[in-house]
Amino acid sequence: MSTRFPRDRFDDVADGPRVGAHRGAQRRGRGWIAFAWAALATGVLVGIGVLVLALLNGSYSFSGSDSPSASTSSSATSKPSASATSKPSTSSSAGSGADSGAAAATPAQQGTTTVVVLNGTTTTGLAARASATLTGAGWQVASTGDAGTTGSTSTVVYYQQAAQAAVAQGIAKQLGVTAVQQSAAFPNADVSVVLGADYTG
């Protein structure tokens, strides 16, 4: 004998919305919409990842101003190196002997060119005697002193700028020496006379 249960709301079937654990009918095409959104999100993420990796590896660059600047920087760095390598050759050629390119100036043509006389030997008073020789001839000597070394064998007249070469030639001629050289080793004066052991005064 079967047991009869009292009727409830689940015994009546209706066309309305389902009640309880039952779900309503799904709409048509809902799965394709979800798939499309998932595919779009995947494509965007993959594109971003490829772009980031390309930028990190350097295979992709926003060219337009990079290559011109690179060429400009390379040319800018090449110019100082060329000038730096050319200067020693100029100074070495000048140091080989007298600078014959400029005519010797006279004391009246000294102008504002400053001249110092330095003693490069151990002989006491040698710079003072050379300075007296120059001032007696009309040259203006700013100061005298001792050079950084006392082992100079030859007297050299140094000048800094090319425009001062004529004055350096005139000083050398007055002292009876021939070695004239352009150098920036003596920045305290335009023309620096370094007396060596060959100068007797």
Foldseek 3Di string as FASTA:
>chain_A
DDDDDDDDPVVDDDPDADDDPDHDDDDPPPVVVVVVVVVVVVVVVVVVVVVVVCVVVVVDDPDDVVVVVVVVVVVVVVVVVVVVVVVVVQQVVLQVWFDPPAAADAQVPCPPFEEEEAEQAPDPPPSVVLVCLQVVRNHDHPYYYHDPHHAAAAKEKEFADPVCSNPSCNSCVSQVHIRYGYDCPDVPGRIYIYHHPVRDD
